[in-house]
C-alpha atoms as a PDB file:
ATOM      1  CA  LEU A   1      41.265  26.957 -34.130  1.00  0.00           C
ATOM      2  CA  GLU A   2      42.658  29.484 -36.581  1.00  0.00           C
ATOM      3  CA  GLY A   3      46.191  28.824 -35.345  1.00  0.00           C
ATOM      4  CA  LEU A   4      45.777  25.062 -35.784  1.00  0.00           C
ATOM      5  CA  GLU A   5      44.577  25.581 -39.364  1.00  0.00           C
ATOM      6  CA  LYS A   6      47.586  27.796 -40.115  1.00  0.00           C
ATOM      7  CA  TRP A   7      49.848  25.173 -38.546  1.00  0.00           C
ATOM      8  CA  LYS A   8      48.421  22.561 -40.919  1.00  0.00           C
ATOM      9  CA  LEU A   9      48.853  24.833 -43.953  1.00  0.00           C
ATOM     10  CA  GLN A  10      52.280  26.313 -43.209  1.00  0.00           C
ATOM     11  CA  ASP A  11      54.004  23.441 -41.357  1.00  0.00           C
ATOM     12  CA  PRO A  12      56.331  25.679 -39.254  1.00  0.00           C
ATOM     13  CA  ASP A  13      59.482  24.503 -37.501  1.00  0.00           C
ATOM     14  CA  LEU A  14      58.438  25.909 -34.107  1.00  0.00           C
ATOM     15  CA  VAL A  15      55.109  26.591 -32.423  1.00  0.00           C
ATOM     16  CA  PHE A  16      54.470  28.381 -29.125  1.00  0.00           C
ATOM     17  CA  LEU A  17      51.280  27.269 -27.364  1.00  0.00           C
ATOM     18  CA  ASP A  18      49.762  28.631 -24.199  1.00  0.00           C
ATOM     19  CA  VAL A  19      47.904  26.199 -21.970  1.00  0.00           C
ATOM     20  CA  LEU A  20      44.921  28.569 -21.757  1.00  0.00           C
ATOM     21  CA  MET A  21      43.643  29.804 -25.116  1.00  0.00           C
ATOM     22  CA  PRO A  22      40.150  30.502 -26.481  1.00  0.00           C
ATOM     23  CA  GLY A  23      38.583  27.708 -28.488  1.00  0.00           C
ATOM     24  CA  LEU A  24      41.092  24.897 -28.091  1.00  0.00           C
ATOM     25  CA  ASN A  25      43.591  25.036 -25.243  1.00  0.00           C
ATOM     26  CA  GLY A  26      47.247  24.116 -25.734  1.00  0.00           C
ATOM     27  CA  PRO A  27      46.894  20.449 -24.679  1.00  0.00           C
ATOM     28  CA  GLN A  28      43.883  20.050 -26.994  1.00  0.00           C
ATOM     29  CA  VAL A  29      45.860  21.492 -29.898  1.00  0.00           C
ATOM     30  CA  LEU A  30      48.665  19.021 -29.173  1.00  0.00           C
ATOM     31  CA  GLU A  31      46.145  16.174 -29.331  1.00  0.00           C
ATOM     32  CA  GLN A  32      45.152  17.294 -32.843  1.00  0.00           C
ATOM     33  CA  LYS A  33      48.563  18.162 -34.258  1.00  0.00           C
ATOM     34  CA  GLY A  34      48.970  14.783 -35.915  1.00  0.00           C
ATOM     35  CA  SER A  35      52.348  14.044 -37.450  1.00  0.00           C
ATOM     36  CA  PHE A  36      53.543  17.604 -37.961  1.00  0.00           C
ATOM     37  CA  LYS A  37      57.280  17.997 -37.437  1.00  0.00           C
ATOM     38  CA  ALA A  38      57.169  21.299 -35.535  1.00  0.00           C
ATOM     39  CA  LYS A  39      58.828  21.561 -32.163  1.00  0.00           C
ATOM     40  CA  VAL A  40      56.357  22.858 -29.600  1.00  0.00           C
ATOM     41  CA  ILE A  41      56.979  25.093 -26.611  1.00  0.00           C
ATOM     42  CA  LEU A  42      54.058  24.870 -24.197  1.00  0.00           C
ATOM     43  CA  MET A  43      53.775  27.713 -21.718  1.00  0.00           C
ATOM     44  CA  SER A  44      51.529  28.724 -18.867  1.00  0.00           C
ATOM     45  CA  ALA A  45      51.256  31.064 -15.922  1.00  0.00           C
ATOM     46  CA  TYR A  46      49.537  28.170 -14.122  1.00  0.00           C
ATOM     47  CA  SER A  47      52.556  25.933 -13.794  1.00  0.00           C
ATOM     48  CA  GLY A  48      51.171  23.900 -10.883  1.00  0.00           C
ATOM     49  CA  GLU A  49      49.205  21.561 -13.140  1.00  0.00           C
ATOM     50  CA  HIS A  50      51.584  21.707 -16.089  1.00  0.00           C
ATOM     51  CA  ASN A  51      55.332  21.240 -16.061  1.00  0.00           C
ATOM     52  CA  LEU A  52      58.037  19.784 -18.283  1.00  0.00           C
ATOM     53  CA  GLU A  53      56.926  16.213 -17.609  1.00  0.00           C
ATOM     54  CA  THR A  54      53.283  16.836 -18.511  1.00  0.00           C
ATOM     55  CA  ALA A  55      54.309  18.910 -21.531  1.00  0.00           C
ATOM     56  CA  LEU A  56      56.533  16.111 -22.835  1.00  0.00           C
ATOM     57  CA  ASN A  57      53.725  13.583 -22.264  1.00  0.00           C
ATOM     58  CA  LEU A  58      51.423  15.784 -24.342  1.00  0.00           C
ATOM     59  CA  GLY A  59      53.938  15.907 -27.207  1.00  0.00           C
ATOM     60  CA  ALA A  60      55.580  19.265 -26.538  1.00  0.00           C
ATOM     61  CA  SER A  61      59.340  19.708 -26.700  1.00  0.00           C
ATOM     62  CA  LEU A  62      59.638  22.162 -23.813  1.00  0.00           C
ATOM     63  CA  PHE A  63      57.588  23.798 -21.065  1.00  0.00           C
ATOM     64  CA  LEU A  64      58.099  27.395 -19.969  1.00  0.00           C
ATOM     65  CA  ALA A  65      56.451  28.949 -16.930  1.00  0.00           C
ATOM     66  CA  LYS A  66      55.204  32.503 -17.273  1.00  0.00           C
ATOM     67  CA  PRO A  67      55.935  35.235 -16.582  1.00  0.00           C
ATOM     68  CA  PHE A  68      59.305  35.030 -18.267  1.00  0.00           C
ATOM     69  CA  GLU A  69      62.166  36.526 -16.312  1.00  0.00           C
ATOM     70  CA  ASP A  70      64.375  36.872 -19.396  1.00  0.00           C
ATOM     71  CA  ILE A  71      62.845  36.952 -22.880  1.00  0.00           C
ATOM     72  CA  PHE A  72      66.309  36.536 -24.375  1.00  0.00           C
ATOM     73  CA  GLU A  73      66.561  33.164 -22.621  1.00  0.00           C
ATOM     74  CA  VAL A  74      63.249  32.161 -24.218  1.00  0.00           C
ATOM     75  CA  VAL A  75      64.630  33.108 -27.638  1.00  0.00           C
ATOM     76  CA  ARG A  76      67.842  31.167 -26.935  1.00  0.00           C
ATOM     77  CA  LEU A  77      65.867  28.053 -25.910  1.00  0.00           C
ATOM     78  CA  ALA A  78      63.715  28.317 -29.043  1.00  0.00           C
ATOM     79  CA  GLU A  79      66.793  28.612 -31.256  1.00  0.00           C
ATOM     80  CA  GLU A  80      68.343  25.569 -29.553  1.00  0.00           C
ATOM     81  CA  LEU A  81      65.226  23.518 -30.254  1.00  0.00           C
ATOM     82  CA  CYS A  82      65.329  24.385 -33.936  1.00  0.00           C
ATOM     83  CA  LYS A  83      68.939  23.370 -34.518  1.00  0.00           C
END
């Protein structure tokens, strides 16, 4: 909830959301994001239920399965989204 409030106040260019979070989960946050312009990277260690297709349907720009094999690839993907 705190992160969603900061999102509304600061209007960032990029937001990372985990599927499982306390309070609101990632998909619930995406339902409430409204018309904010931020690109969203949804991520989860439970990639069976969530994948790129479900992430895109929820309004995310990208889905990343955890654990990450290469954090530098995650940074590169994030930079590409923000171009």
